[in-house]
Amino acid sequence: MLADNERQKIKLEEEYRLEIRRQLQEKPEKKSGRSQFWAFLNSSFGLWLLSAVFITGIGAIYTRYQNAREQDSKKKELIERLDFEISFRYSQVLNQLYHLTDRNPKAPLLASNRSSEEVRKTVELLNQAPSGNSASLYPEFANMGIPALITELRRHLQDEDERQKVDVVLASLTGGVFENVDFSNVPQVAGIILDKLMIGRWKNSYFYFIDCPPSAPFC
């Protein structure tokens, strides 16, 4: 009897172990958070979502790059136009001063039928917007005098050395650079413009006289 009970007990224990084993085999394996994440990414929806985020992100970065590049290009174009406009304005004033001389190629002097007052009024054109015989090179600058043009240029310059050079010119232009000047001495007046009111970025060969040395302003 005891042996039968023992055998029955062993049988029940074996059946219990088999049942536990069966339940463990049927129960899905619990995955770690990392495994679940990679499983999600490998799913169809995960791949679609990842592609959408990637494409959207790359598109946004590219759009920002293009916008920044476009803005930089526009700024460079504006600076170039301002430099040309300033050069052109100086050239106009120098040209008008030249036409007040006797046009002697060696030593031009104030023409006998001209006055120092005409020279002074010509110099005043530096601070005025174009009018009468004067004109602007670009229509968008038609209402601006040279000080306004230089101020606008300074606002867009990044190089600190260039900004300081522009500051010096602006101070001279709006200050007393022509105080105690003999306006009957036209070459001296023109030389001051070339020496005190112009920097290298405006001295090109596109317009009359602006690339002349101060000692020979009508070269």
N, C-alpha and C. Protein backbone atom coordinates (compact mmCIF):
# COMPACT_ATOMS: atom_id res chain seq x y z
N MET A 1 0.83 -1.19 0.00
CA MET A 1 0.00 0.00 0.00
C MET A 1 0.86 1.23 0.00
N LEU A 2 1.89 1.20 0.84
CA LEU A 2 2.81 2.33 0.91
C LEU A 2 3.52 2.54 -0.40
N ALA A 3 3.86 1.41 -1.05
CA ALA A 3 4.56 1.53 -2.32
C ALA A 3 3.65 2.16 -3.36
N ASP A 4 2.35 1.80 -3.31
CA ASP A 4 1.41 2.39 -4.28
C ASP A 4 1.28 3.89 -4.05
N ASN A 5 1.22 4.28 -2.79
CA ASN A 5 1.12 5.72 -2.49
C ASN A 5 2.35 6.48 -2.96
N GLU A 6 3.48 5.86 -2.79
CA GLU A 6 4.73 6.51 -3.22
C GLU A 6 4.76 6.67 -4.72
N ARG A 7 4.33 5.60 -5.40
CA ARG A 7 4.31 5.69 -6.86
C ARG A 7 3.33 6.76 -7.34
N GLN A 8 2.18 6.85 -6.65
CA GLN A 8 1.18 7.86 -7.01
C GLN A 8 1.73 9.27 -6.80
N LYS A 9 2.46 9.44 -5.72
CA LYS A 9 3.06 10.75 -5.44
C LYS A 9 4.06 11.15 -6.51
N ILE A 10 4.89 10.18 -6.90
CA ILE A 10 5.89 10.44 -7.94
C ILE A 10 5.22 10.79 -9.25
N LYS A 11 4.12 10.06 -9.53
CA LYS A 11 3.40 10.31 -10.77
C LYS A 11 2.81 11.71 -10.80
N LEU A 12 2.23 12.13 -9.64
CA LEU A 12 1.64 13.48 -9.56
C LEU A 12 2.72 14.56 -9.71
N GLU A 13 3.87 14.33 -9.09
CA GLU A 13 4.96 15.30 -9.22
C GLU A 13 5.44 15.43 -10.66
N GLU A 14 5.50 14.27 -11.34
CA GLU A 14 5.93 14.28 -12.74
C GLU A 14 4.92 15.02 -13.61
N GLU A 15 3.63 14.76 -13.35
CA GLU A 15 2.61 15.46 -14.13
C GLU A 15 2.64 16.96 -13.87
N TYR A 16 2.92 17.32 -12.60
CA TYR A 16 3.00 18.75 -12.26
C TYR A 16 4.15 19.42 -13.00
N ARG A 17 5.30 18.73 -13.03
CA ARG A 17 6.46 19.30 -13.73
C ARG A 17 6.18 19.44 -15.22
N LEU A 18 5.51 18.44 -15.77
CA LEU A 18 5.18 18.51 -17.20
C LEU A 18 4.24 19.68 -17.50
N GLU A 19 3.28 19.89 -16.59
CA GLU A 19 2.34 20.99 -16.79
C GLU A 19 3.04 22.35 -16.72
N ILE A 20 3.92 22.47 -15.74
CA ILE A 20 4.68 23.72 -15.59
C ILE A 20 5.52 23.97 -16.84
N ARG A 21 6.16 22.88 -17.34
CA ARG A 21 7.00 23.01 -18.54
C ARG A 21 6.16 23.42 -19.73
N ARG A 22 4.95 22.84 -19.82
CA ARG A 22 4.08 23.16 -20.95
C ARG A 22 3.65 24.64 -20.91
N GLN A 23 3.31 25.12 -19.70
CA GLN A 23 2.89 26.51 -19.56
C GLN A 23 4.03 27.48 -19.87
N LEU A 24 5.22 27.10 -19.45
CA LEU A 24 6.37 27.96 -19.75
C LEU A 24 6.65 28.03 -21.24
N GLN A 25 6.47 26.91 -21.93
CA GLN A 25 6.69 26.89 -23.37
C GLN A 25 5.63 27.69 -24.12
N GLU A 26 4.39 27.67 -23.61
CA GLU A 26 3.31 28.40 -24.27
C GLU A 26 3.35 29.89 -23.97
N LYS A 27 3.89 30.32 -22.83
CA LYS A 27 3.93 31.72 -22.44
C LYS A 27 4.94 32.46 -23.29
N PRO A 28 4.56 33.57 -23.95
CA PRO A 28 5.51 34.30 -24.81
C PRO A 28 6.67 34.84 -24.00
N GLU A 29 7.81 34.80 -24.59
CA GLU A 29 9.01 35.25 -23.92
C GLU A 29 8.96 36.76 -23.72
N LYS A 30 9.18 37.21 -22.52
CA LYS A 30 9.15 38.64 -22.22
C LYS A 30 10.43 39.28 -22.75
N LYS A 31 10.25 40.30 -23.57
CA LYS A 31 11.39 40.96 -24.18
C LYS A 31 11.77 42.20 -23.39
N SER A 32 13.03 42.52 -23.47
CA SER A 32 13.51 43.73 -22.82
C SER A 32 13.03 44.94 -23.61
N GLY A 33 13.11 46.12 -22.97
CA GLY A 33 12.71 47.35 -23.65
C GLY A 33 13.51 47.60 -24.91
N ARG A 34 14.78 47.26 -24.86
CA ARG A 34 15.64 47.46 -26.01
C ARG A 34 15.23 46.54 -27.16
N SER A 35 14.92 45.29 -26.83
CA SER A 35 14.49 44.33 -27.86
C SER A 35 13.17 44.77 -28.47
N GLN A 36 12.25 45.24 -27.61
CA GLN A 36 10.97 45.70 -28.12
C GLN A 36 11.14 46.90 -29.05
N PHE A 37 12.07 47.80 -28.70
CA PHE A 37 12.32 48.97 -29.53
C PHE A 37 12.82 48.59 -30.91
N TRP A 38 13.80 47.67 -30.97
CA TRP A 38 14.34 47.24 -32.26
C TRP A 38 13.30 46.46 -33.05
N ALA A 39 12.47 45.70 -32.33
CA ALA A 39 11.40 44.98 -33.01
C ALA A 39 10.43 45.96 -33.66
N PHE A 40 10.14 47.07 -32.94
CA PHE A 40 9.24 48.09 -33.49
C PHE A 40 9.85 48.75 -34.72
N LEU A 41 11.14 49.06 -34.65
CA LEU A 41 11.79 49.70 -35.79
C LEU A 41 11.82 48.79 -37.01
N ASN A 42 11.90 47.50 -36.79
CA ASN A 42 11.94 46.55 -37.89
C ASN A 42 10.56 46.22 -38.44
N SER A 43 9.54 46.70 -37.76
CA SER A 43 8.18 46.48 -38.26
C SER A 43 7.90 47.42 -39.42
N SER A 44 6.85 47.16 -40.19
CA SER A 44 6.49 47.99 -41.34
C SER A 44 6.20 49.42 -40.91
N PHE A 45 5.40 49.56 -39.85
CA PHE A 45 5.07 50.89 -39.37
C PHE A 45 6.29 51.62 -38.84
N GLY A 46 7.14 50.89 -38.14
CA GLY A 46 8.35 51.50 -37.59
C GLY A 46 9.27 52.00 -38.70
N LEU A 47 9.43 51.18 -39.74
CA LEU A 47 10.27 51.59 -40.87
C LEU A 47 9.69 52.80 -41.58
N TRP A 48 8.36 52.82 -41.73
CA TRP A 48 7.71 53.97 -42.37
C TRP A 48 7.89 55.24 -41.55
N LEU A 49 7.68 55.11 -40.22
CA LEU A 49 7.82 56.27 -39.34
C LEU A 49 9.25 56.78 -39.34
N LEU A 50 10.21 55.86 -39.28
CA LEU A 50 11.61 56.26 -39.29
C LEU A 50 11.96 56.98 -40.58
N SER A 51 11.47 56.47 -41.72
CA SER A 51 11.74 57.11 -43.01
C SER A 51 11.13 58.50 -43.06
N ALA A 52 9.90 58.63 -42.56
CA ALA A 52 9.22 59.93 -42.58
C ALA A 52 9.97 60.96 -41.75
N VAL A 53 10.40 60.54 -40.55
CA VAL A 53 11.13 61.45 -39.68
C VAL A 53 12.46 61.84 -40.31
N PHE A 54 13.14 60.86 -40.87
CA PHE A 54 14.45 61.10 -41.49
C PHE A 54 14.32 62.06 -42.67
N ILE A 55 13.36 61.79 -43.55
CA ILE A 55 13.17 62.64 -44.73
C ILE A 55 12.76 64.04 -44.34
N THR A 56 11.84 64.14 -43.35
CA THR A 56 11.40 65.45 -42.90
C THR A 56 12.55 66.24 -42.29
N GLY A 57 13.36 65.55 -41.48
CA GLY A 57 14.49 66.23 -40.84
C GLY A 57 15.52 66.71 -41.86
N ILE A 58 15.85 65.84 -42.80
CA ILE A 58 16.80 66.23 -43.84
C ILE A 58 16.24 67.37 -44.68
N GLY A 59 14.95 67.31 -44.98
CA GLY A 59 14.32 68.37 -45.76
C GLY A 59 14.36 69.71 -45.04
N ALA A 60 14.12 69.68 -43.72
CA ALA A 60 14.15 70.92 -42.94
C ALA A 60 15.56 71.51 -42.90
N ILE A 61 16.55 70.64 -42.71
CA ILE A 61 17.94 71.09 -42.67
C ILE A 61 18.34 71.69 -44.02
N TYR A 62 17.96 71.02 -45.09
CA TYR A 62 18.30 71.51 -46.43
C TYR A 62 17.62 72.84 -46.71
N THR A 63 16.36 72.98 -46.28
CA THR A 63 15.63 74.23 -46.49
C THR A 63 16.30 75.38 -45.75
N ARG A 64 16.69 75.12 -44.49
CA ARG A 64 17.39 76.16 -43.72
C ARG A 64 18.72 76.53 -44.38
N TYR A 65 19.42 75.53 -44.90
CA TYR A 65 20.69 75.79 -45.58
C TYR A 65 20.47 76.65 -46.82
N GLN A 66 19.45 76.30 -47.59
CA GLN A 66 19.16 77.06 -48.80
C GLN A 66 18.76 78.49 -48.47
N ASN A 67 17.94 78.66 -47.44
CA ASN A 67 17.51 80.01 -47.04
C ASN A 67 18.69 80.85 -46.58
N ALA A 68 19.56 80.23 -45.78
CA ALA A 68 20.74 80.95 -45.29
C ALA A 68 21.66 81.34 -46.44
N ARG A 69 21.80 80.41 -47.39
CA ARG A 69 22.65 80.69 -48.55
C ARG A 69 22.06 81.80 -49.41
N GLU A 70 20.75 81.78 -49.57
CA GLU A 70 20.07 82.82 -50.35
C GLU A 70 20.20 84.18 -49.68
N GLN A 71 20.03 84.21 -48.35
CA GLN A 71 20.16 85.47 -47.62
C GLN A 71 21.58 86.00 -47.72
N ASP A 72 22.56 85.12 -47.63
CA ASP A 72 23.96 85.53 -47.73
C ASP A 72 24.26 86.09 -49.12
N SER A 73 23.70 85.46 -50.15
CA SER A 73 23.89 85.93 -51.52
C SER A 73 23.27 87.31 -51.71
N LYS A 74 22.07 87.49 -51.17
CA LYS A 74 21.39 88.79 -51.28
C LYS A 74 22.17 89.88 -50.57
N LYS A 75 22.75 89.55 -49.40
CA LYS A 75 23.52 90.53 -48.66
C LYS A 75 24.77 90.94 -49.44
N LYS A 76 25.44 89.97 -50.03
CA LYS A 76 26.64 90.27 -50.82
C LYS A 76 26.30 91.15 -52.02
N GLU A 77 25.18 90.86 -52.67
CA GLU A 77 24.74 91.66 -53.81
C GLU A 77 24.42 93.09 -53.37
N LEU A 78 23.77 93.23 -52.21
CA LEU A 78 23.43 94.57 -51.71
C LEU A 78 24.69 95.36 -51.39
N ILE A 79 25.65 94.72 -50.75
CA ILE A 79 26.91 95.40 -50.42
C ILE A 79 27.62 95.85 -51.70
N GLU A 80 27.61 94.99 -52.70
CA GLU A 80 28.25 95.34 -53.97
C GLU A 80 27.56 96.52 -54.63
N ARG A 81 26.22 96.55 -54.61
CA ARG A 81 25.49 97.66 -55.20
C ARG A 81 25.76 98.96 -54.43
N LEU A 82 25.81 98.87 -53.11
CA LEU A 82 26.10 100.07 -52.32
C LEU A 82 27.50 100.60 -52.61
N ASP A 83 28.47 99.72 -52.71
CA ASP A 83 29.84 100.16 -53.04
C ASP A 83 29.88 100.85 -54.40
N PHE A 84 29.22 100.28 -55.38
CA PHE A 84 29.19 100.89 -56.71
C PHE A 84 28.46 102.23 -56.68
N GLU A 85 27.36 102.28 -55.94
CA GLU A 85 26.59 103.53 -55.85
C GLU A 85 27.43 104.64 -55.22
N ILE A 86 28.14 104.32 -54.14
CA ILE A 86 28.98 105.31 -53.47
C ILE A 86 30.11 105.77 -54.39
N SER A 87 30.74 104.83 -55.08
CA SER A 87 31.80 105.19 -56.04
C SER A 87 31.25 106.12 -57.12
N PHE A 88 30.09 105.77 -57.63
CA PHE A 88 29.47 106.57 -58.69
C PHE A 88 29.16 107.99 -58.21
N ARG A 89 28.65 108.12 -56.99
CA ARG A 89 28.32 109.45 -56.46
C ARG A 89 29.58 110.31 -56.31
N TYR A 90 30.64 109.72 -55.76
CA TYR A 90 31.89 110.46 -55.66
C TYR A 90 32.39 110.88 -57.05
N SER A 91 32.29 109.97 -57.98
CA SER A 91 32.74 110.26 -59.34
C SER A 91 31.97 111.44 -59.94
N GLN A 92 30.65 111.49 -59.68
CA GLN A 92 29.85 112.60 -60.20
C GLN A 92 30.32 113.94 -59.65
N VAL A 93 30.58 113.97 -58.35
CA VAL A 93 31.03 115.22 -57.73
C VAL A 93 32.40 115.62 -58.27
N LEU A 94 33.32 114.66 -58.36
CA LEU A 94 34.65 114.95 -58.90
C LEU A 94 34.56 115.41 -60.35
N ASN A 95 33.67 114.81 -61.10
CA ASN A 95 33.50 115.20 -62.50
C ASN A 95 32.97 116.63 -62.61
N GLN A 96 32.02 116.97 -61.74
CA GLN A 96 31.49 118.34 -61.76
C GLN A 96 32.56 119.34 -61.33
N LEU A 97 33.38 118.96 -60.37
CA LEU A 97 34.49 119.84 -59.97
C LEU A 97 35.46 120.04 -61.13
N TYR A 98 35.74 118.97 -61.83
CA TYR A 98 36.65 119.07 -62.98
C TYR A 98 36.11 120.05 -64.02
N HIS A 99 34.80 120.03 -64.24
CA HIS A 99 34.20 120.92 -65.24
C HIS A 99 34.13 122.37 -64.77
N LEU A 100 34.49 122.63 -63.52
CA LEU A 100 34.61 124.00 -63.03
C LEU A 100 36.02 124.55 -63.23
N THR A 101 36.94 123.70 -63.69
CA THR A 101 38.33 124.13 -63.91
C THR A 101 38.53 124.56 -65.36
N ASP A 102 39.72 125.06 -65.62
CA ASP A 102 40.07 125.41 -67.00
C ASP A 102 40.54 124.18 -67.79
N ARG A 103 40.55 123.02 -67.12
CA ARG A 103 40.88 121.73 -67.73
C ARG A 103 42.32 121.67 -68.28
N ASN A 104 43.17 122.40 -67.66
CA ASN A 104 44.58 122.34 -68.00
C ASN A 104 45.11 120.97 -67.59
N PRO A 105 45.64 120.19 -68.51
CA PRO A 105 46.06 118.81 -68.18
C PRO A 105 47.19 118.75 -67.16
N LYS A 106 47.98 119.79 -67.04
CA LYS A 106 49.11 119.76 -66.11
C LYS A 106 48.72 120.31 -64.73
N ALA A 107 48.05 121.44 -64.71
CA ALA A 107 47.69 122.07 -63.43
C ALA A 107 46.35 122.77 -63.58
N PRO A 108 45.25 122.03 -63.50
CA PRO A 108 43.93 122.64 -63.67
C PRO A 108 43.60 123.62 -62.54
N LEU A 109 43.12 124.79 -62.92
CA LEU A 109 42.72 125.81 -61.96
C LEU A 109 41.26 126.16 -62.17
N LEU A 110 40.70 126.89 -61.22
CA LEU A 110 39.32 127.33 -61.35
C LEU A 110 39.18 128.18 -62.61
N ALA A 111 38.22 127.84 -63.44
CA ALA A 111 38.01 128.57 -64.69
C ALA A 111 37.63 130.02 -64.38
N SER A 112 38.02 130.92 -65.29
CA SER A 112 37.79 132.35 -65.07
C SER A 112 36.31 132.70 -65.00
N ASN A 113 35.47 131.92 -65.65
CA ASN A 113 34.03 132.20 -65.65
C ASN A 113 33.28 131.41 -64.57
N ARG A 114 34.04 130.82 -63.65
CA ARG A 114 33.44 130.06 -62.54
C ARG A 114 33.81 130.71 -61.21
N SER A 115 33.09 130.34 -60.15
CA SER A 115 33.33 130.97 -58.85
C SER A 115 33.55 129.90 -57.78
N SER A 116 34.19 130.33 -56.69
CA SER A 116 34.41 129.41 -55.57
C SER A 116 33.09 128.99 -54.93
N GLU A 117 32.06 129.84 -55.08
CA GLU A 117 30.75 129.48 -54.56
C GLU A 117 30.19 128.27 -55.30
N GLU A 118 30.44 128.18 -56.57
CA GLU A 118 29.99 127.01 -57.35
C GLU A 118 30.71 125.75 -56.88
N VAL A 119 31.97 125.92 -56.53
CA VAL A 119 32.74 124.78 -56.01
C VAL A 119 32.15 124.33 -54.68
N ARG A 120 31.84 125.28 -53.81
CA ARG A 120 31.27 124.94 -52.50
C ARG A 120 29.93 124.22 -52.66
N LYS A 121 29.08 124.69 -53.56
CA LYS A 121 27.78 124.06 -53.78
C LYS A 121 27.94 122.65 -54.36
N THR A 122 28.96 122.48 -55.16
CA THR A 122 29.23 121.14 -55.71
C THR A 122 29.64 120.18 -54.61
N VAL A 123 30.45 120.64 -53.68
CA VAL A 123 30.87 119.82 -52.55
C VAL A 123 29.66 119.44 -51.69
N GLU A 124 28.72 120.36 -51.55
CA GLU A 124 27.53 120.08 -50.74
C GLU A 124 26.69 118.93 -51.31
N LEU A 125 26.87 118.64 -52.59
CA LEU A 125 26.14 117.53 -53.21
C LEU A 125 26.50 116.19 -52.56
N LEU A 126 27.65 116.14 -51.90
CA LEU A 126 28.07 114.90 -51.26
C LEU A 126 27.06 114.45 -50.20
N ASN A 127 26.41 115.39 -49.56
CA ASN A 127 25.49 115.07 -48.47
C ASN A 127 24.02 115.09 -48.92
N GLN A 128 23.79 115.24 -50.20
CA GLN A 128 22.42 115.37 -50.69
C GLN A 128 22.03 114.20 -51.57
N ALA A 129 20.73 113.93 -51.63
CA ALA A 129 20.22 112.94 -52.57
C ALA A 129 20.30 113.52 -53.98
N PRO A 130 20.41 112.68 -54.99
CA PRO A 130 20.53 113.17 -56.36
C PRO A 130 19.35 114.05 -56.77
N SER A 131 19.66 115.10 -57.51
CA SER A 131 18.63 115.98 -58.06
C SER A 131 19.23 116.77 -59.21
N GLY A 132 18.39 117.32 -60.06
CA GLY A 132 18.90 118.11 -61.17
C GLY A 132 19.74 117.28 -62.12
N ASN A 133 21.01 117.70 -62.28
CA ASN A 133 21.92 117.00 -63.19
C ASN A 133 22.51 115.73 -62.58
N SER A 134 22.30 115.55 -61.28
CA SER A 134 22.82 114.35 -60.62
C SER A 134 21.82 113.20 -60.77
N ALA A 135 22.32 112.01 -60.62
CA ALA A 135 21.47 110.83 -60.73
C ALA A 135 22.03 109.71 -59.87
N SER A 136 21.21 108.74 -59.61
CA SER A 136 21.67 107.56 -58.87
C SER A 136 21.98 106.44 -59.86
N LEU A 137 22.87 105.58 -59.47
CA LEU A 137 23.21 104.45 -60.33
C LEU A 137 22.11 103.40 -60.26
N TYR A 138 21.58 103.18 -59.07
CA TYR A 138 20.51 102.22 -58.87
C TYR A 138 19.26 102.96 -58.38
N PRO A 139 18.10 102.68 -58.95
CA PRO A 139 16.87 103.40 -58.58
C PRO A 139 16.52 103.33 -57.11
N GLU A 140 16.85 102.20 -56.45
CA GLU A 140 16.46 102.05 -55.05
C GLU A 140 17.21 102.99 -54.12
N PHE A 141 18.30 103.62 -54.62
CA PHE A 141 19.08 104.54 -53.79
C PHE A 141 18.85 106.00 -54.19
N ALA A 142 17.84 106.26 -54.98
CA ALA A 142 17.63 107.59 -55.54
C ALA A 142 17.36 108.65 -54.47
N ASN A 143 16.82 108.26 -53.32
CA ASN A 143 16.48 109.23 -52.28
C ASN A 143 17.52 109.29 -51.16
N MET A 144 18.69 108.75 -51.40
CA MET A 144 19.72 108.69 -50.36
C MET A 144 20.95 109.46 -50.79
N GLY A 145 21.50 110.24 -49.85
CA GLY A 145 22.78 110.88 -50.07
C GLY A 145 23.91 109.93 -49.69
N ILE A 146 25.15 110.35 -49.90
CA ILE A 146 26.29 109.48 -49.60
C ILE A 146 26.34 109.08 -48.12
N PRO A 147 26.08 110.00 -47.16
CA PRO A 147 26.09 109.56 -45.75
C PRO A 147 25.10 108.44 -45.47
N ALA A 148 23.90 108.53 -46.05
CA ALA A 148 22.90 107.48 -45.85
C ALA A 148 23.35 106.17 -46.49
N LEU A 149 23.98 106.26 -47.65
CA LEU A 149 24.48 105.07 -48.34
C LEU A 149 25.57 104.39 -47.51
N ILE A 150 26.48 105.20 -46.96
CA ILE A 150 27.57 104.64 -46.16
C ILE A 150 27.03 104.01 -44.88
N THR A 151 26.04 104.66 -44.27
CA THR A 151 25.43 104.11 -43.06
C THR A 151 24.76 102.77 -43.35
N GLU A 152 24.07 102.68 -44.48
CA GLU A 152 23.42 101.42 -44.85
C GLU A 152 24.47 100.35 -45.15
N LEU A 153 25.55 100.73 -45.80
CA LEU A 153 26.63 99.77 -46.07
C LEU A 153 27.22 99.25 -44.77
N ARG A 154 27.47 100.15 -43.83
CA ARG A 154 28.06 99.75 -42.55
C ARG A 154 27.20 98.71 -41.84
N ARG A 155 25.90 98.84 -41.97
CA ARG A 155 24.98 97.93 -41.29
C ARG A 155 25.14 96.49 -41.77
N HIS A 156 25.63 96.31 -42.98
CA HIS A 156 25.73 94.96 -43.55
C HIS A 156 27.15 94.41 -43.55
N LEU A 157 28.13 95.23 -43.21
CA LEU A 157 29.52 94.76 -43.19
C LEU A 157 29.77 93.92 -41.95
N GLN A 158 30.50 92.82 -42.12
CA GLN A 158 30.85 91.94 -41.01
C GLN A 158 32.27 92.18 -40.51
N ASP A 159 33.15 92.60 -41.41
CA ASP A 159 34.55 92.80 -41.05
C ASP A 159 34.69 94.07 -40.20
N GLU A 160 35.24 93.93 -39.01
CA GLU A 160 35.34 95.06 -38.09
C GLU A 160 36.28 96.14 -38.61
N ASP A 161 37.37 95.76 -39.29
CA ASP A 161 38.30 96.74 -39.84
C ASP A 161 37.61 97.60 -40.89
N GLU A 162 36.81 96.98 -41.75
CA GLU A 162 36.08 97.73 -42.77
C GLU A 162 35.06 98.66 -42.13
N ARG A 163 34.41 98.19 -41.08
CA ARG A 163 33.44 99.03 -40.38
C ARG A 163 34.11 100.26 -39.77
N GLN A 164 35.30 100.09 -39.24
CA GLN A 164 36.02 101.22 -38.65
C GLN A 164 36.44 102.23 -39.72
N LYS A 165 36.86 101.72 -40.88
CA LYS A 165 37.23 102.61 -41.98
C LYS A 165 36.02 103.43 -42.43
N VAL A 166 34.88 102.75 -42.53
CA VAL A 166 33.65 103.42 -42.93
C VAL A 166 33.25 104.46 -41.87
N ASP A 167 33.44 104.15 -40.60
CA ASP A 167 33.12 105.08 -39.53
C ASP A 167 33.94 106.37 -39.64
N VAL A 168 35.21 106.22 -39.96
CA VAL A 168 36.09 107.39 -40.10
C VAL A 168 35.61 108.26 -41.25
N VAL A 169 35.28 107.64 -42.37
CA VAL A 169 34.79 108.40 -43.52
C VAL A 169 33.49 109.12 -43.19
N LEU A 170 32.59 108.41 -42.53
CA LEU A 170 31.30 108.99 -42.19
C LEU A 170 31.46 110.19 -41.25
N ALA A 171 32.37 110.06 -40.30
CA ALA A 171 32.63 111.18 -39.38
C ALA A 171 33.22 112.37 -40.13
N SER A 172 34.12 112.11 -41.05
CA SER A 172 34.74 113.19 -41.82
C SER A 172 33.72 113.85 -42.75
N LEU A 173 32.88 113.03 -43.35
CA LEU A 173 31.91 113.54 -44.32
C LEU A 173 30.87 114.43 -43.66
N THR A 174 30.44 114.06 -42.45
CA THR A 174 29.41 114.83 -41.76
C THR A 174 30.02 115.86 -40.81
N GLY A 175 31.36 115.87 -40.72
CA GLY A 175 32.05 116.81 -39.83
C GLY A 175 32.57 118.01 -40.60
N GLY A 176 33.72 118.50 -40.17
CA GLY A 176 34.26 119.72 -40.76
C GLY A 176 35.46 119.50 -41.64
N VAL A 177 35.42 118.49 -42.51
CA VAL A 177 36.58 118.18 -43.33
C VAL A 177 36.91 119.31 -44.31
N PHE A 178 35.90 120.14 -44.65
CA PHE A 178 36.13 121.22 -45.60
C PHE A 178 36.21 122.59 -44.92
N GLU A 179 36.33 122.59 -43.60
CA GLU A 179 36.49 123.87 -42.90
C GLU A 179 37.84 124.50 -43.26
N ASN A 180 37.81 125.80 -43.43
CA ASN A 180 39.03 126.57 -43.74
C ASN A 180 39.69 126.14 -45.04
N VAL A 181 38.89 125.59 -45.95
CA VAL A 181 39.42 125.20 -47.27
C VAL A 181 39.15 126.33 -48.26
N ASP A 182 40.12 126.60 -49.09
CA ASP A 182 39.97 127.60 -50.15
C ASP A 182 39.24 126.94 -51.33
N PHE A 183 37.97 127.25 -51.49
CA PHE A 183 37.18 126.60 -52.52
C PHE A 183 37.56 127.05 -53.93
N SER A 184 38.37 128.07 -54.02
CA SER A 184 38.85 128.46 -55.35
C SER A 184 39.95 127.53 -55.84
N ASN A 185 40.52 126.75 -54.90
CA ASN A 185 41.57 125.78 -55.25
C ASN A 185 40.89 124.42 -55.50
N VAL A 186 40.39 124.24 -56.69
CA VAL A 186 39.60 123.06 -57.02
C VAL A 186 40.40 121.76 -56.85
N PRO A 187 41.65 121.68 -57.31
CA PRO A 187 42.40 120.43 -57.10
C PRO A 187 42.54 120.06 -55.62
N GLN A 188 42.71 121.06 -54.75
CA GLN A 188 42.82 120.77 -53.33
C GLN A 188 41.51 120.19 -52.78
N VAL A 189 40.39 120.79 -53.21
CA VAL A 189 39.09 120.29 -52.77
C VAL A 189 38.89 118.86 -53.24
N ALA A 190 39.20 118.58 -54.50
CA ALA A 190 39.06 117.23 -55.04
C ALA A 190 40.00 116.26 -54.34
N GLY A 191 41.20 116.74 -54.02
CA GLY A 191 42.18 115.89 -53.33
C GLY A 191 41.70 115.49 -51.94
N ILE A 192 41.00 116.40 -51.27
CA ILE A 192 40.46 116.07 -49.94
C ILE A 192 39.42 114.96 -50.06
N ILE A 193 38.59 115.03 -51.08
CA ILE A 193 37.58 113.98 -51.28
C ILE A 193 38.25 112.63 -51.46
N LEU A 194 39.28 112.59 -52.30
CA LEU A 194 39.96 111.33 -52.58
C LEU A 194 40.78 110.83 -51.39
N ASP A 195 41.31 111.75 -50.59
CA ASP A 195 42.18 111.37 -49.48
C ASP A 195 41.41 111.08 -48.19
N LYS A 196 40.41 111.89 -47.89
CA LYS A 196 39.72 111.80 -46.61
C LYS A 196 38.37 111.10 -46.66
N LEU A 197 37.74 111.08 -47.81
CA LEU A 197 36.36 110.60 -47.88
C LEU A 197 36.19 109.30 -48.64
N MET A 198 37.30 108.74 -49.11
CA MET A 198 37.20 107.50 -49.88
C MET A 198 38.16 106.46 -49.33
N ILE A 199 37.72 105.21 -49.36
CA ILE A 199 38.57 104.08 -48.97
C ILE A 199 38.73 103.16 -50.17
N GLY A 200 39.59 102.18 -50.02
CA GLY A 200 39.96 101.33 -51.14
C GLY A 200 38.81 100.65 -51.85
N ARG A 201 37.79 100.26 -51.12
CA ARG A 201 36.68 99.51 -51.71
C ARG A 201 35.90 100.35 -52.72
N TRP A 202 36.07 101.69 -52.68
CA TRP A 202 35.33 102.55 -53.61
C TRP A 202 36.22 103.08 -54.74
N LYS A 203 37.52 102.76 -54.69
CA LYS A 203 38.45 103.28 -55.70
C LYS A 203 38.65 102.24 -56.80
N ASN A 204 37.72 102.22 -57.73
CA ASN A 204 37.83 101.30 -58.85
C ASN A 204 38.05 102.09 -60.14
N SER A 205 38.13 101.38 -61.23
CA SER A 205 38.39 102.04 -62.53
C SER A 205 37.14 102.16 -63.38
N TYR A 206 35.98 101.96 -62.78
CA TYR A 206 34.75 102.00 -63.56
C TYR A 206 34.24 103.42 -63.80
N PHE A 207 34.57 104.34 -62.87
CA PHE A 207 34.04 105.70 -62.96
C PHE A 207 35.18 106.71 -62.99
N TYR A 208 34.89 107.88 -63.53
CA TYR A 208 35.91 108.92 -63.68
C TYR A 208 36.50 109.38 -62.35
N PHE A 209 37.83 109.50 -62.35
CA PHE A 209 38.61 110.18 -61.31
C PHE A 209 38.73 109.46 -59.96
N ILE A 210 37.87 108.51 -59.64
CA ILE A 210 37.89 107.97 -58.28
C ILE A 210 39.12 107.11 -57.98
N ASP A 211 39.84 106.70 -59.01
CA ASP A 211 41.08 105.94 -58.77
C ASP A 211 42.32 106.83 -58.92
N CYS A 212 42.11 108.15 -58.99
CA CYS A 212 43.23 109.08 -59.10
C CYS A 212 43.83 109.32 -57.71
N PRO A 213 45.12 109.65 -57.64
CA PRO A 213 45.73 109.98 -56.34
C PRO A 213 45.31 111.39 -55.91
N PRO A 214 45.27 111.65 -54.61
CA PRO A 214 44.88 112.99 -54.13
C PRO A 214 45.75 114.12 -54.68
N SER A 215 47.01 113.81 -54.96
CA SER A 215 47.93 114.84 -55.48
C SER A 215 47.62 115.19 -56.93
N ALA A 216 46.94 114.32 -57.64
CA ALA A 216 46.55 114.59 -59.03
C ALA A 216 45.11 114.10 -59.21
N PRO A 217 44.14 114.79 -58.63
CA PRO A 217 42.76 114.31 -58.54
C PRO A 217 42.05 114.18 -59.89
N PHE A 218 42.59 114.85 -60.91
CA PHE A 218 41.95 114.77 -62.22
C PHE A 218 42.88 114.09 -63.22
N CYS A 219 43.56 113.04 -62.74
CA CYS A 219 44.54 112.33 -63.57
C CYS A 219 43.89 111.78 -64.82
